[in-house]
Amino acid sequence: MTDFTGRRAAFRNLHDGFFTIPNAATAGEAKELANLGFEAIASTSHGLALLLGKDDLSATLDETLNNLRDLVAATDLPVNADFEAGFADDAEGVAANVTRAVETGIAGLSIEDRAGDTLYPLEEAAARIRAAREAIDTIDPDVMLIGRSEGFLLGSTDLAATIERLQAYAEAGADVLYAPAVTKPDGIAAIVAAVAPKPVNVLLVSPEMNAGNLQKLGVRRVSTGGFLAMPARAAFMSAATELQQSGSLPAACFG
């Protein structure tokens, strides 16, 4: 059985500085990212859903676990799992599923605070983070837990409320705090200050966002979510549409 201790220790140490963690949907993508010199990768639930021909957030627990095993086996890089909301409503279910995820060999795991298009009540959301932390610690405390607040993604752009949630998740045992879709520099800086000294992850959601600028705001890690997978999907569909309509493939298909 593979010993993942070294990967997990290396991943934890990365958070002492700044790094970019791109999201991969396949083993092939993971290998390409490793060849480019990235020091860690993350899975992407959106990218996995695209591969499976499904809508975002519709991959099953077993499909997600299989994907994590593929990514972990593809390279020696630490893998951070995009584990959605833990694939369970109750804290006990989250703990059981997190245990299964950690057993795949991942070095980190994120838990969201959304149930469909709504946020879990804060106390319940924090209990879910606490349950995930306890499950992780039973296997390997070096596995990083990322507490995610999805309010901005759902259109609830109350920064104070988001910060309150992230602080609660930090107290519940999250190692890293993450509020995807917060893009304004002052908002990002406020989050960094509010949860310090714990690291903050920021998602690149537009061409204007830049890792170097985010580092200056005190952000410790930057991720890409499904945005690396989307252009590949768009190129595939464009070429396939041209093939269907004209019987030819575009020149870009041939390098």
Protein backbone atom coordinates (compact mmCIF):
# COMPACT_ATOMS: atom_id res chain seq x y z
CA MET A 1 0.00 0.00 0.00
CA THR A 2 1.35 3.43 -0.93
CA ASP A 3 2.50 5.66 1.94
CA PHE A 4 1.11 9.14 1.33
CA THR A 5 2.78 10.72 4.36
CA GLY A 6 5.39 12.55 2.31
CA ARG A 7 2.88 14.05 -0.12
CA ARG A 8 0.69 15.26 2.71
CA ALA A 9 3.58 16.82 4.61
CA ALA A 10 4.79 18.53 1.43
CA PHE A 11 1.31 19.87 0.72
CA ARG A 12 0.95 21.28 4.21
CA ASN A 13 4.35 22.95 3.90
CA LEU A 14 3.32 24.62 0.63
CA HIS A 15 0.81 26.66 2.62
CA ASP A 16 3.62 28.39 4.50
CA GLY A 17 4.23 30.36 1.29
CA PHE A 18 2.29 31.07 -1.90
CA PHE A 19 1.45 28.65 -4.70
CA THR A 20 -0.93 28.08 -7.61
CA ILE A 21 -2.91 24.85 -7.54
CA PRO A 22 -4.53 24.08 -10.93
CA ASN A 23 -7.51 21.75 -11.10
CA ALA A 24 -7.30 18.58 -13.20
CA ALA A 25 -10.17 16.40 -14.34
CA THR A 26 -8.18 13.44 -15.70
CA ALA A 27 -4.99 11.52 -15.06
CA GLY A 28 -3.62 12.85 -18.34
CA GLU A 29 -4.21 16.43 -17.27
CA ALA A 30 -2.58 15.70 -13.91
CA LYS A 31 0.52 14.42 -15.65
CA GLU A 32 0.70 17.45 -17.93
CA LEU A 33 0.41 19.80 -14.96
CA ALA A 34 3.16 17.91 -13.15
CA ASN A 35 5.37 18.20 -16.25
CA LEU A 36 4.80 21.96 -16.26
CA GLY A 37 6.25 22.18 -12.77
CA PHE A 38 3.22 22.71 -10.56
CA GLU A 39 3.79 21.47 -7.01
CA ALA A 40 0.24 20.27 -6.31
CA ILE A 41 -3.05 19.76 -8.14
CA ALA A 42 -6.71 19.71 -7.23
CA SER A 43 -9.62 17.78 -8.63
CA THR A 44 -12.60 19.60 -10.13
CA SER A 45 -16.19 18.51 -9.72
CA HIS A 46 -17.20 20.69 -12.68
CA GLY A 47 -14.49 19.23 -14.91
CA LEU A 48 -15.46 15.70 -13.87
CA ALA A 49 -19.11 16.40 -14.63
CA LEU A 50 -18.18 17.63 -18.12
CA LEU A 51 -16.23 14.43 -18.75
CA LEU A 52 -19.20 12.36 -17.65
CA GLY A 53 -21.65 14.32 -19.78
CA LYS A 54 -23.44 15.60 -16.69
CA ASP A 55 -24.38 18.95 -15.22
CA ASP A 56 -22.12 20.54 -12.63
CA LEU A 57 -22.55 19.12 -9.12
CA SER A 58 -24.15 15.93 -10.44
CA ALA A 59 -21.23 13.46 -10.28
CA THR A 60 -21.92 10.75 -7.71
CA LEU A 61 -19.83 9.95 -4.66
CA ASP A 62 -18.46 6.79 -6.27
CA GLU A 63 -17.62 8.61 -9.50
CA THR A 64 -15.82 11.26 -7.48
CA LEU A 65 -13.86 8.72 -5.44
CA ASN A 66 -12.82 6.86 -8.59
CA ASN A 67 -11.64 10.14 -10.10
CA LEU A 68 -9.61 10.92 -6.97
CA ARG A 69 -7.94 7.51 -7.15
CA ASP A 70 -7.00 8.15 -10.78
CA LEU A 71 -5.52 11.57 -9.99
CA VAL A 72 -3.59 10.30 -6.97
CA ALA A 73 -2.14 7.44 -9.02
CA ALA A 74 -1.21 9.64 -11.99
CA THR A 75 1.67 11.55 -10.37
CA ASP A 76 3.56 11.94 -7.11
CA LEU A 77 2.02 15.39 -6.57
CA PRO A 78 -0.29 16.06 -3.62
CA VAL A 79 -3.95 16.09 -4.66
CA ASN A 80 -6.57 18.36 -3.11
CA ALA A 81 -10.07 16.93 -3.48
CA ASP A 82 -12.97 19.09 -4.61
CA PHE A 83 -15.44 17.16 -2.47
CA GLU A 84 -18.47 19.39 -2.99
CA ALA A 85 -20.67 19.37 0.15
CA GLY A 86 -19.47 15.97 1.32
CA PHE A 87 -22.25 14.09 -0.53
CA ALA A 88 -24.39 14.05 2.62
CA ASP A 89 -26.77 16.38 4.43
CA ASP A 90 -25.92 15.35 7.97
CA ALA A 91 -22.59 15.64 9.74
CA GLU A 92 -22.35 11.90 10.29
CA GLY A 93 -22.70 11.25 6.58
CA VAL A 94 -20.08 13.86 5.79
CA ALA A 95 -17.67 12.18 8.20
CA ALA A 96 -18.22 8.75 6.64
CA ASN A 97 -17.69 10.06 3.11
CA VAL A 98 -14.64 12.11 4.06
CA THR A 99 -13.12 8.93 5.50
CA ARG A 100 -13.56 7.23 2.13
CA ALA A 101 -12.02 10.21 0.35
CA VAL A 102 -8.96 10.33 2.59
CA GLU A 103 -8.44 6.62 1.99
CA THR A 104 -7.86 7.38 -1.73
CA GLY A 105 -4.56 9.05 -0.79
CA ILE A 106 -5.51 12.71 -1.16
CA ALA A 107 -3.54 15.41 0.68
CA GLY A 108 -6.39 17.89 1.11
CA LEU A 109 -10.16 18.09 0.87
CA SER A 110 -12.72 20.89 0.63
CA ILE A 111 -16.23 20.92 2.05
CA GLU A 112 -18.83 23.40 0.79
CA ASP A 113 -21.65 24.93 2.82
CA ARG A 114 -24.35 24.75 0.17
CA ALA A 115 -27.36 22.47 -0.22
CA GLY A 116 -28.36 22.96 -3.83
CA ASP A 117 -29.06 26.66 -4.28
CA THR A 118 -29.12 27.55 -0.58
CA LEU A 119 -26.57 27.70 2.22
CA TYR A 120 -26.75 25.43 5.23
CA PRO A 121 -27.54 27.33 8.45
CA LEU A 122 -24.26 28.48 9.95
CA GLU A 123 -24.34 26.22 12.99
CA GLU A 124 -25.09 23.18 10.84
CA ALA A 125 -22.43 24.14 8.31
CA ALA A 126 -19.82 24.46 11.06
CA ALA A 127 -20.84 21.08 12.48
CA ARG A 128 -20.24 19.53 9.07
CA ILE A 129 -16.73 21.01 8.99
CA ARG A 130 -16.09 19.74 12.51
CA ALA A 131 -17.21 16.25 11.52
CA ALA A 132 -14.91 16.32 8.49
CA ARG A 133 -11.99 17.40 10.70
CA GLU A 134 -12.60 14.58 13.16
CA ALA A 135 -12.80 12.03 10.34
CA ILE A 136 -9.54 13.30 8.83
CA ASP A 137 -7.72 13.27 12.15
CA THR A 138 -8.64 9.64 12.72
CA ILE A 139 -6.63 8.70 9.62
CA ASP A 140 -3.96 11.38 9.13
CA PRO A 141 -4.07 14.86 10.73
CA ASP A 142 -1.70 16.14 8.03
CA VAL A 143 -4.51 16.04 5.46
CA MET A 144 -5.60 19.64 4.89
CA LEU A 145 -9.26 20.59 5.34
CA ILE A 146 -10.58 23.52 3.30
CA GLY A 147 -13.72 25.25 4.49
CA ARG A 148 -15.66 26.77 1.59
CA SER A 149 -18.44 29.35 1.78
CA GLU A 150 -20.48 29.45 -1.41
CA GLY A 151 -22.53 32.58 -0.78
CA PHE A 152 -20.96 34.71 -3.49
CA LEU A 153 -21.37 31.90 -6.03
CA LEU A 154 -25.08 31.75 -5.15
CA GLY A 155 -25.53 35.50 -5.48
CA SER A 156 -25.45 36.33 -1.77
CA THR A 157 -22.63 38.91 -1.78
CA ASP A 158 -22.73 39.90 1.88
CA LEU A 159 -19.02 40.02 2.70
CA ALA A 160 -19.55 40.28 6.46
CA ALA A 161 -21.75 37.18 6.45
CA THR A 162 -19.21 35.30 4.36
CA ILE A 163 -16.41 36.27 6.74
CA GLU A 164 -18.51 35.16 9.71
CA ARG A 165 -18.91 31.76 8.09
CA LEU A 166 -15.23 31.40 7.24
CA GLN A 167 -14.25 32.29 10.79
CA ALA A 168 -16.66 29.68 12.12
CA TYR A 169 -15.18 27.08 9.80
CA ALA A 170 -11.68 27.99 10.94
CA GLU A 171 -12.77 27.49 14.55
CA ALA A 172 -14.34 24.15 13.57
CA GLY A 173 -11.01 22.87 12.26
CA ALA A 174 -10.58 24.07 8.67
CA ASP A 175 -6.93 24.64 7.76
CA VAL A 176 -7.66 26.79 4.69
CA LEU A 177 -10.55 29.17 4.02
CA TYR A 178 -12.10 29.70 0.62
CA ALA A 179 -14.97 31.85 -0.68
CA PRO A 180 -15.13 31.34 -4.45
CA ALA A 181 -16.31 34.28 -6.57
CA VAL A 182 -15.05 36.96 -4.20
CA THR A 183 -13.07 39.05 -6.70
CA LYS A 184 -12.68 42.61 -5.39
CA PRO A 185 -9.24 43.25 -3.89
CA ASP A 186 -10.61 44.92 -0.76
CA GLY A 187 -12.96 41.99 -0.13
CA ILE A 188 -10.18 39.46 -0.59
CA ALA A 189 -7.87 41.44 1.69
CA ALA A 190 -10.61 41.62 4.33
CA ILE A 191 -11.03 37.84 4.26
CA VAL A 192 -7.27 37.32 4.54
CA ALA A 193 -7.13 39.59 7.60
CA ALA A 194 -10.22 38.07 9.22
CA VAL A 195 -8.99 34.46 9.20
CA ALA A 196 -5.26 35.09 9.69
CA PRO A 197 -2.96 33.34 10.29
CA LYS A 198 -4.80 30.58 8.41
CA PRO A 199 -4.27 30.61 4.62
CA VAL A 200 -6.86 31.74 2.09
CA ASN A 201 -7.56 30.21 -1.32
CA VAL A 202 -8.89 32.36 -4.16
CA LEU A 203 -10.46 31.12 -7.40
CA LEU A 204 -9.46 32.69 -10.71
CA VAL A 205 -12.82 33.58 -12.24
CA SER A 206 -11.86 36.15 -14.88
CA PRO A 207 -8.94 37.04 -17.18
CA GLU A 208 -8.33 40.15 -15.07
CA MET A 209 -7.41 38.15 -11.99
CA ASN A 210 -3.71 37.36 -11.60
CA ALA A 211 -1.90 35.12 -9.14
CA GLY A 212 0.86 37.64 -8.53
CA ASN A 213 -1.63 40.36 -7.59
CA LEU A 214 -3.47 37.99 -5.27
CA GLN A 215 -0.22 37.08 -3.54
CA LYS A 216 0.30 40.78 -2.76
CA LEU A 217 -3.09 40.78 -1.00
CA GLY A 218 -1.88 38.02 1.32
CA VAL A 219 -3.59 35.13 -0.47
CA ARG A 220 -1.66 31.90 0.05
CA ARG A 221 -3.02 29.76 -2.82
CA VAL A 222 -4.83 30.26 -6.12
CA SER A 223 -6.96 27.65 -7.91
CA THR A 224 -8.71 27.38 -11.27
CA GLY A 225 -11.80 25.26 -10.63
CA GLY A 226 -13.36 24.00 -13.85
CA PHE A 227 -11.96 26.83 -15.95
CA LEU A 228 -9.08 24.75 -17.33
CA ALA A 229 -11.54 22.09 -18.48
CA MET A 230 -14.00 24.47 -20.13
CA PRO A 231 -11.86 25.67 -23.08
CA ALA A 232 -11.00 22.08 -23.98
CA ARG A 233 -14.71 21.26 -23.97
CA ALA A 234 -15.49 24.34 -26.08
CA ALA A 235 -12.80 23.45 -28.63
CA PHE A 236 -14.10 19.89 -28.85
CA MET A 237 -17.67 21.04 -29.44
CA SER A 238 -16.59 23.63 -32.02
CA ALA A 239 -14.61 21.05 -34.00
CA ALA A 240 -17.37 18.45 -33.72
CA THR A 241 -19.98 20.96 -34.90
CA GLU A 242 -17.86 21.86 -37.90
CA LEU A 243 -17.43 18.18 -38.72
CA GLN A 244 -21.16 17.60 -38.54
CA GLN A 245 -22.03 20.66 -40.62
CA SER A 246 -19.27 20.66 -43.25
CA GLY A 247 -17.72 17.22 -43.12
CA SER A 248 -14.29 18.68 -42.29
CA LEU A 249 -12.23 19.31 -39.22
CA PRO A 250 -10.75 22.76 -38.50
CA ALA A 251 -7.06 23.26 -39.14
CA ALA A 252 -6.43 23.62 -35.40
CA CYS A 253 -7.16 19.91 -34.97
CA PHE A 254 -3.99 19.05 -36.86
CA GLY A 255 -1.59 21.23 -34.91
